[in-house]
Amino acid sequence: MVKMTKDEMVEWFKSAPEGSRHQRMLWAARKIARLTGVTEGGAYQVLLGALIEAERLPRDSIVGFSMTADE
């Protein structure tokens, strides 16, 4: 099983094809799950936590992710 850092997970989210935030998170969770051997649901939950944590950091805002509703 491959371990992945939260920063690496955020990078997978950033590299996801264009779409809604949810679509991009699902895409990234699938990739993370395949690479690490965890379930897609588990990868999604960890990714969500990593994105929330990264969004709180003023130095590195994540394009396409916010805790507000999609526009």
PDB file of N, CA and C in Angstrom:
ATOM      1  N   MET A   1       0.844  -1.181   0.000  1.00  0.00           N
ATOM      2  CA  MET A   1       0.000   0.000   0.000  1.00  0.00           C
ATOM      3  C   MET A   1       0.890   1.245   0.000  1.00  0.00           C
ATOM      4  N   VAL A   2       0.592   2.165  -0.862  1.00  0.00           N
ATOM      5  CA  VAL A   2       1.350   3.404  -0.993  1.00  0.00           C
ATOM      6  C   VAL A   2       0.744   4.456  -0.065  1.00  0.00           C
ATOM      7  N   LYS A   3       1.603   5.155   0.661  1.00  0.00           N
ATOM      8  CA  LYS A   3       1.132   6.259   1.509  1.00  0.00           C
ATOM      9  C   LYS A   3       1.173   7.545   0.689  1.00  0.00           C
ATOM     10  N   MET A   4       0.260   8.448   1.008  1.00  0.00           N
ATOM     11  CA  MET A   4       0.190   9.709   0.292  1.00  0.00           C
ATOM     12  C   MET A   4      -0.010  10.837   1.303  1.00  0.00           C
ATOM     13  N   THR A   5       0.715  11.923   1.108  1.00  0.00           N
ATOM     14  CA  THR A   5       0.575  13.066   1.999  1.00  0.00           C
ATOM     15  C   THR A   5      -0.662  13.877   1.616  1.00  0.00           C
ATOM     16  N   LYS A   6      -1.097  14.724   2.536  1.00  0.00           N
ATOM     17  CA  LYS A   6      -2.234  15.605   2.242  1.00  0.00           C
ATOM     18  C   LYS A   6      -1.902  16.544   1.094  1.00  0.00           C
ATOM     19  N   ASP A   7      -0.664  17.006   1.042  1.00  0.00           N
ATOM     20  CA  ASP A   7      -0.257  17.888  -0.056  1.00  0.00           C
ATOM     21  C   ASP A   7      -0.361  17.172  -1.399  1.00  0.00           C
ATOM     22  N   GLU A   8       0.019  15.894  -1.441  1.00  0.00           N
ATOM     23  CA  GLU A   8      -0.099  15.132  -2.683  1.00  0.00           C
ATOM     24  C   GLU A   8      -1.564  14.964  -3.079  1.00  0.00           C
ATOM     25  N   MET A   9      -2.430  14.762  -2.092  1.00  0.00           N
ATOM     26  CA  MET A   9      -3.859  14.637  -2.382  1.00  0.00           C
ATOM     27  C   MET A   9      -4.414  15.935  -2.959  1.00  0.00           C
ATOM     28  N   VAL A  10      -4.003  17.048  -2.387  1.00  0.00           N
ATOM     29  CA  VAL A  10      -4.441  18.353  -2.896  1.00  0.00           C
ATOM     30  C   VAL A  10      -3.961  18.533  -4.336  1.00  0.00           C
ATOM     31  N   GLU A  11      -2.763  18.087  -4.637  1.00  0.00           N
ATOM     32  CA  GLU A  11      -2.243  18.189  -6.005  1.00  0.00           C
ATOM     33  C   GLU A  11      -3.078  17.360  -6.975  1.00  0.00           C
ATOM     34  N   TRP A  12      -3.537  16.176  -6.548  1.00  0.00           N
ATOM     35  CA  TRP A  12      -4.423  15.373  -7.400  1.00  0.00           C
ATOM     36  C   TRP A  12      -5.714  16.133  -7.659  1.00  0.00           C
ATOM     37  N   PHE A  13      -6.247  16.785  -6.631  1.00  0.00           N
ATOM     38  CA  PHE A  13      -7.464  17.578  -6.815  1.00  0.00           C
ATOM     39  C   PHE A  13      -7.210  18.703  -7.820  1.00  0.00           C
ATOM     40  N   LYS A  14      -6.091  19.379  -7.675  1.00  0.00           N
ATOM     41  CA  LYS A  14      -5.766  20.489  -8.584  1.00  0.00           C
ATOM     42  C   LYS A  14      -5.613  20.009 -10.026  1.00  0.00           C
ATOM     43  N   SER A  15      -5.178  18.752 -10.207  1.00  0.00           N
ATOM     44  CA  SER A  15      -4.949  18.246 -11.565  1.00  0.00           C
ATOM     45  C   SER A  15      -6.194  17.611 -12.184  1.00  0.00           C
ATOM     46  N   ALA A  16      -7.291  17.572 -11.447  1.00  0.00           N
ATOM     47  CA  ALA A  16      -8.525  16.963 -11.953  1.00  0.00           C
ATOM     48  C   ALA A  16      -9.054  17.755 -13.145  1.00  0.00           C
ATOM     49  N   PRO A  17      -9.707  17.056 -14.077  1.00  0.00           N
ATOM     50  CA  PRO A  17     -10.316  17.765 -15.219  1.00  0.00           C
ATOM     51  C   PRO A  17     -11.347  18.780 -14.731  1.00  0.00           C
ATOM     52  N   GLU A  18     -11.615  19.763 -15.569  1.00  0.00           N
ATOM     53  CA  GLU A  18     -12.592  20.787 -15.195  1.00  0.00           C
ATOM     54  C   GLU A  18     -13.946  20.167 -14.930  1.00  0.00           C
ATOM     55  N   GLY A  19     -14.645  20.761 -14.004  1.00  0.00           N
ATOM     56  CA  GLY A  19     -15.969  20.303 -13.620  1.00  0.00           C
ATOM     57  C   GLY A  19     -16.327  20.959 -12.303  1.00  0.00           C
ATOM     58  N   SER A  20     -17.410  20.518 -11.716  1.00  0.00           N
ATOM     59  CA  SER A  20     -17.796  21.068 -10.426  1.00  0.00           C
ATOM     60  C   SER A  20     -16.790  20.605  -9.370  1.00  0.00           C
ATOM     61  N   ARG A  21     -16.814  21.250  -8.235  1.00  0.00           N
ATOM     62  CA  ARG A  21     -15.926  20.867  -7.131  1.00  0.00           C
ATOM     63  C   ARG A  21     -16.156  19.393  -6.785  1.00  0.00           C
ATOM     64  N   HIS A  22     -17.404  18.992  -6.716  1.00  0.00           N
ATOM     65  CA  HIS A  22     -17.730  17.612  -6.368  1.00  0.00           C
ATOM     66  C   HIS A  22     -17.188  16.628  -7.408  1.00  0.00           C
ATOM     67  N   GLN A  23     -17.344  16.930  -8.681  1.00  0.00           N
ATOM     68  CA  GLN A  23     -16.829  16.061  -9.742  1.00  0.00           C
ATOM     69  C   GLN A  23     -15.313  15.931  -9.650  1.00  0.00           C
ATOM     70  N   ARG A  24     -14.639  17.039  -9.381  1.00  0.00           N
ATOM     71  CA  ARG A  24     -13.184  17.016  -9.268  1.00  0.00           C
ATOM     72  C   ARG A  24     -12.742  16.212  -8.046  1.00  0.00           C
ATOM     73  N   MET A  25     -13.497  16.329  -6.949  1.00  0.00           N
ATOM     74  CA  MET A  25     -13.165  15.557  -5.749  1.00  0.00           C
ATOM     75  C   MET A  25     -13.366  14.066  -5.993  1.00  0.00           C
ATOM     76  N   LEU A  26     -14.441  13.688  -6.689  1.00  0.00           N
ATOM     77  CA  LEU A  26     -14.673  12.280  -7.005  1.00  0.00           C
ATOM     78  C   LEU A  26     -13.556  11.730  -7.885  1.00  0.00           C
ATOM     79  N   TRP A  27     -13.151  12.511  -8.876  1.00  0.00           N
ATOM     80  CA  TRP A  27     -12.075  12.083  -9.778  1.00  0.00           C
ATOM     81  C   TRP A  27     -10.791  11.862  -8.987  1.00  0.00           C
ATOM     82  N   ALA A  28     -10.440  12.832  -8.147  1.00  0.00           N
ATOM     83  CA  ALA A  28      -9.215  12.732  -7.354  1.00  0.00           C
ATOM     84  C   ALA A  28      -9.307  11.573  -6.360  1.00  0.00           C
ATOM     85  N   ALA A  29     -10.462  11.374  -5.744  1.00  0.00           N
ATOM     86  CA  ALA A  29     -10.629  10.281  -4.777  1.00  0.00           C
ATOM     87  C   ALA A  29     -10.435   8.929  -5.459  1.00  0.00           C
ATOM     88  N   ARG A  30     -10.934   8.791  -6.678  1.00  0.00           N
ATOM     89  CA  ARG A  30     -10.734   7.532  -7.418  1.00  0.00           C
ATOM     90  C   ARG A  30      -9.255   7.280  -7.673  1.00  0.00           C
ATOM     91  N   LYS A  31      -8.549   8.312  -8.106  1.00  0.00           N
ATOM     92  CA  LYS A  31      -7.111   8.168  -8.376  1.00  0.00           C
ATOM     93  C   LYS A  31      -6.350   7.826  -7.089  1.00  0.00           C
ATOM     94  N   ILE A  32      -6.664   8.534  -6.020  1.00  0.00           N
ATOM     95  CA  ILE A  32      -5.996   8.306  -4.737  1.00  0.00           C
ATOM     96  C   ILE A  32      -6.277   6.886  -4.255  1.00  0.00           C
ATOM     97  N   ALA A  33      -7.529   6.435  -4.385  1.00  0.00           N
ATOM     98  CA  ALA A  33      -7.896   5.090  -3.954  1.00  0.00           C
ATOM     99  C   ALA A  33      -7.117   4.030  -4.732  1.00  0.00           C
ATOM    100  N   ARG A  34      -7.011   4.211  -6.028  1.00  0.00           N
ATOM    101  CA  ARG A  34      -6.263   3.247  -6.847  1.00  0.00           C
ATOM    102  C   ARG A  34      -4.786   3.199  -6.465  1.00  0.00           C
ATOM    103  N   LEU A  35      -4.220   4.355  -6.182  1.00  0.00           N
ATOM    104  CA  LEU A  35      -2.794   4.410  -5.844  1.00  0.00           C
ATOM    105  C   LEU A  35      -2.484   3.887  -4.441  1.00  0.00           C
ATOM    106  N   THR A  36      -3.396   4.113  -3.516  1.00  0.00           N
ATOM    107  CA  THR A  36      -3.113   3.790  -2.114  1.00  0.00           C
ATOM    108  C   THR A  36      -3.749   2.496  -1.638  1.00  0.00           C
ATOM    109  N   GLY A  37      -4.762   2.016  -2.326  1.00  0.00           N
ATOM    110  CA  GLY A  37      -5.426   0.789  -1.913  1.00  0.00           C
ATOM    111  C   GLY A  37      -6.545   1.001  -0.903  1.00  0.00           C
ATOM    112  N   VAL A  38      -6.861   2.247  -0.566  1.00  0.00           N
ATOM    113  CA  VAL A  38      -7.984   2.522   0.335  1.00  0.00           C
ATOM    114  C   VAL A  38      -9.269   2.570  -0.487  1.00  0.00           C
ATOM    115  N   THR A  39     -10.408   2.582   0.185  1.00  0.00           N
ATOM    116  CA  THR A  39     -11.677   2.689  -0.533  1.00  0.00           C
ATOM    117  C   THR A  39     -11.831   4.101  -1.091  1.00  0.00           C
ATOM    118  N   GLU A  40     -12.670   4.237  -2.106  1.00  0.00           N
ATOM    119  CA  GLU A  40     -12.928   5.570  -2.661  1.00  0.00           C
ATOM    120  C   GLU A  40     -13.569   6.470  -1.614  1.00  0.00           C
ATOM    121  N   GLY A  41     -14.462   5.911  -0.798  1.00  0.00           N
ATOM    122  CA  GLY A  41     -15.105   6.696   0.255  1.00  0.00           C
ATOM    123  C   GLY A  41     -14.095   7.188   1.281  1.00  0.00           C
ATOM    124  N   GLY A  42     -13.161   6.326   1.644  1.00  0.00           N
ATOM    125  CA  GLY A  42     -12.118   6.720   2.587  1.00  0.00           C
ATOM    126  C   GLY A  42     -11.208   7.782   2.001  1.00  0.00           C
ATOM    127  N   ALA A  43     -10.863   7.616   0.726  1.00  0.00           N
ATOM    128  CA  ALA A  43     -10.016   8.603   0.054  1.00  0.00           C
ATOM    129  C   ALA A  43     -10.737   9.941  -0.041  1.00  0.00           C
ATOM    130  N   TYR A  44     -12.043   9.903  -0.324  1.00  0.00           N
ATOM    131  CA  TYR A  44     -12.835  11.130  -0.434  1.00  0.00           C
ATOM    132  C   TYR A  44     -12.841  11.876   0.895  1.00  0.00           C
ATOM    133  N   GLN A  45     -13.048  11.154   1.993  1.00  0.00           N
ATOM    134  CA  GLN A  45     -13.098  11.788   3.314  1.00  0.00           C
ATOM    135  C   GLN A  45     -11.763  12.428   3.676  1.00  0.00           C
ATOM    136  N   VAL A  46     -10.664  11.720   3.416  1.00  0.00           N
ATOM    137  CA  VAL A  46      -9.344  12.272   3.731  1.00  0.00           C
ATOM    138  C   VAL A  46      -9.048  13.471   2.827  1.00  0.00           C
ATOM    139  N   LEU A  47      -9.418  13.349   1.548  1.00  0.00           N
ATOM    140  CA  LEU A  47      -9.222  14.462   0.607  1.00  0.00           C
ATOM    141  C   LEU A  47     -10.007  15.687   1.053  1.00  0.00           C
ATOM    142  N   LEU A  48     -11.245  15.491   1.466  1.00  0.00           N
ATOM    143  CA  LEU A  48     -12.060  16.613   1.934  1.00  0.00           C
ATOM    144  C   LEU A  48     -11.385  17.305   3.111  1.00  0.00           C
ATOM    145  N   GLY A  49     -10.894  16.532   4.063  1.00  0.00           N
ATOM    146  CA  GLY A  49     -10.188  17.111   5.209  1.00  0.00           C
ATOM    147  C   GLY A  49      -8.942  17.869   4.780  1.00  0.00           C
ATOM    148  N   ALA A  50      -8.194  17.294   3.832  1.00  0.00           N
ATOM    149  CA  ALA A  50      -6.975  17.949   3.344  1.00  0.00           C
ATOM    150  C   ALA A  50      -7.309  19.259   2.643  1.00  0.00           C
ATOM    151  N   LEU A  51      -8.394  19.269   1.863  1.00  0.00           N
ATOM    152  CA  LEU A  51      -8.786  20.495   1.153  1.00  0.00           C
ATOM    153  C   LEU A  51      -9.270  21.567   2.117  1.00  0.00           C
ATOM    154  N   ILE A  52     -10.038  21.162   3.117  1.00  0.00           N
ATOM    155  CA  ILE A  52     -10.494  22.135   4.114  1.00  0.00           C
ATOM    156  C   ILE A  52      -9.306  22.734   4.840  1.00  0.00           C
ATOM    157  N   GLU A  53      -8.368  21.892   5.226  1.00  0.00           N
ATOM    158  CA  GLU A  53      -7.164  22.372   5.919  1.00  0.00           C
ATOM    159  C   GLU A  53      -6.355  23.308   5.022  1.00  0.00           C
ATOM    160  N   ALA A  54      -6.183  22.929   3.763  1.00  0.00           N
ATOM    161  CA  ALA A  54      -5.408  23.750   2.828  1.00  0.00           C
ATOM    162  C   ALA A  54      -6.110  25.074   2.539  1.00  0.00           C
ATOM    163  N   GLU A  55      -7.432  25.055   2.496  1.00  0.00           N
ATOM    164  CA  GLU A  55      -8.187  26.280   2.223  1.00  0.00           C
ATOM    165  C   GLU A  55      -8.028  27.285   3.354  1.00  0.00           C
ATOM    166  N   ARG A  56      -7.808  26.806   4.555  1.00  0.00           N
ATOM    167  CA  ARG A  56      -7.635  27.695   5.702  1.00  0.00           C
ATOM    168  C   ARG A  56      -6.274  28.380   5.696  1.00  0.00           C
ATOM    169  N   LEU A  57      -5.337  27.849   4.949  1.00  0.00           N
ATOM    170  CA  LEU A  57      -4.005  28.440   4.890  1.00  0.00           C
ATOM    171  C   LEU A  57      -4.015  29.622   3.927  1.00  0.00           C
ATOM    172  N   PRO A  58      -3.667  30.806   4.387  1.00  0.00           N
ATOM    173  CA  PRO A  58      -3.733  31.985   3.514  1.00  0.00           C
ATOM    174  C   PRO A  58      -2.732  31.955   2.372  1.00  0.00           C
ATOM    175  N   ARG A  59      -1.649  31.206   2.514  1.00  0.00           N
ATOM    176  CA  ARG A  59      -0.585  31.224   1.511  1.00  0.00           C
ATOM    177  C   ARG A  59      -0.917  30.426   0.258  1.00  0.00           C
ATOM    178  N   ASP A  60      -1.872  29.481   0.335  1.00  0.00           N
ATOM    179  CA  ASP A  60      -2.066  28.563  -0.785  1.00  0.00           C
ATOM    180  C   ASP A  60      -3.542  28.279  -1.017  1.00  0.00           C
ATOM    181  N   SER A  61      -4.235  29.260  -1.540  1.00  0.00           N
ATOM    182  CA  SER A  61      -5.647  29.070  -1.842  1.00  0.00           C
ATOM    183  C   SER A  61      -5.780  28.073  -2.986  1.00  0.00           C
ATOM    184  N   ILE A  62      -6.773  27.218  -2.921  1.00  0.00           N
ATOM    185  CA  ILE A  62      -6.970  26.180  -3.936  1.00  0.00           C
ATOM    186  C   ILE A  62      -7.982  26.667  -4.962  1.00  0.00           C
ATOM    187  N   VAL A  63      -7.564  26.782  -6.196  1.00  0.00           N
ATOM    188  CA  VAL A  63      -8.445  27.217  -7.261  1.00  0.00           C
ATOM    189  C   VAL A  63      -9.563  26.191  -7.427  1.00  0.00           C
ATOM    190  N   GLY A  64     -10.786  26.663  -7.461  1.00  0.00           N
ATOM    191  CA  GLY A  64     -11.916  25.768  -7.689  1.00  0.00           C
ATOM    192  C   GLY A  64     -12.466  25.107  -6.441  1.00  0.00           C
ATOM    193  N   PHE A  65     -11.980  25.481  -5.288  1.00  0.00           N
ATOM    194  CA  PHE A  65     -12.489  24.884  -4.056  1.00  0.00           C
ATOM    195  C   PHE A  65     -12.792  25.958  -3.039  1.00  0.00           C
ATOM    196  N   SER A  66     -13.997  25.898  -2.523  1.00  0.00           N
ATOM    197  CA  SER A  66     -14.366  26.750  -1.401  1.00  0.00           C
ATOM    198  C   SER A  66     -15.480  26.041  -0.654  1.00  0.00           C
ATOM    199  N   MET A  67     -15.754  26.469   0.523  1.00  0.00           N
ATOM    200  CA  MET A  67     -16.782  25.831   1.329  1.00  0.00           C
ATOM    201  C   MET A  67     -18.153  26.433   1.058  1.00  0.00           C
ATOM    202  N   THR A  68     -18.262  27.275   0.043  1.00  0.00           N
ATOM    203  CA  THR A  68     -19.557  27.832  -0.351  1.00  0.00           C
ATOM    204  C   THR A  68     -20.150  26.988  -1.462  1.00  0.00           C
ATOM    205  N   ALA A  69     -21.423  27.178  -1.732  1.00  0.00           N
ATOM    206  CA  ALA A  69     -22.098  26.409  -2.785  1.00  0.00           C
ATOM    207  C   ALA A  69     -21.477  26.699  -4.150  1.00  0.00           C
ATOM    208  N   ASP A  70     -21.496  25.683  -5.018  1.00  0.00           N
ATOM    209  CA  ASP A  70     -21.004  25.883  -6.390  1.00  0.00           C
ATOM    210  C   ASP A  70     -21.841  26.932  -7.082  1.00  0.00           C
ATOM    211  N   GLU A  71     -21.204  27.718  -7.906  1.00  0.00           N
ATOM    212  CA  GLU A  71     -21.915  28.753  -8.646  1.00  0.00           C
ATOM    213  C   GLU A  71     -22.261  28.258 -10.030  1.00  0.00           C
TER     214      GLU A  71
END
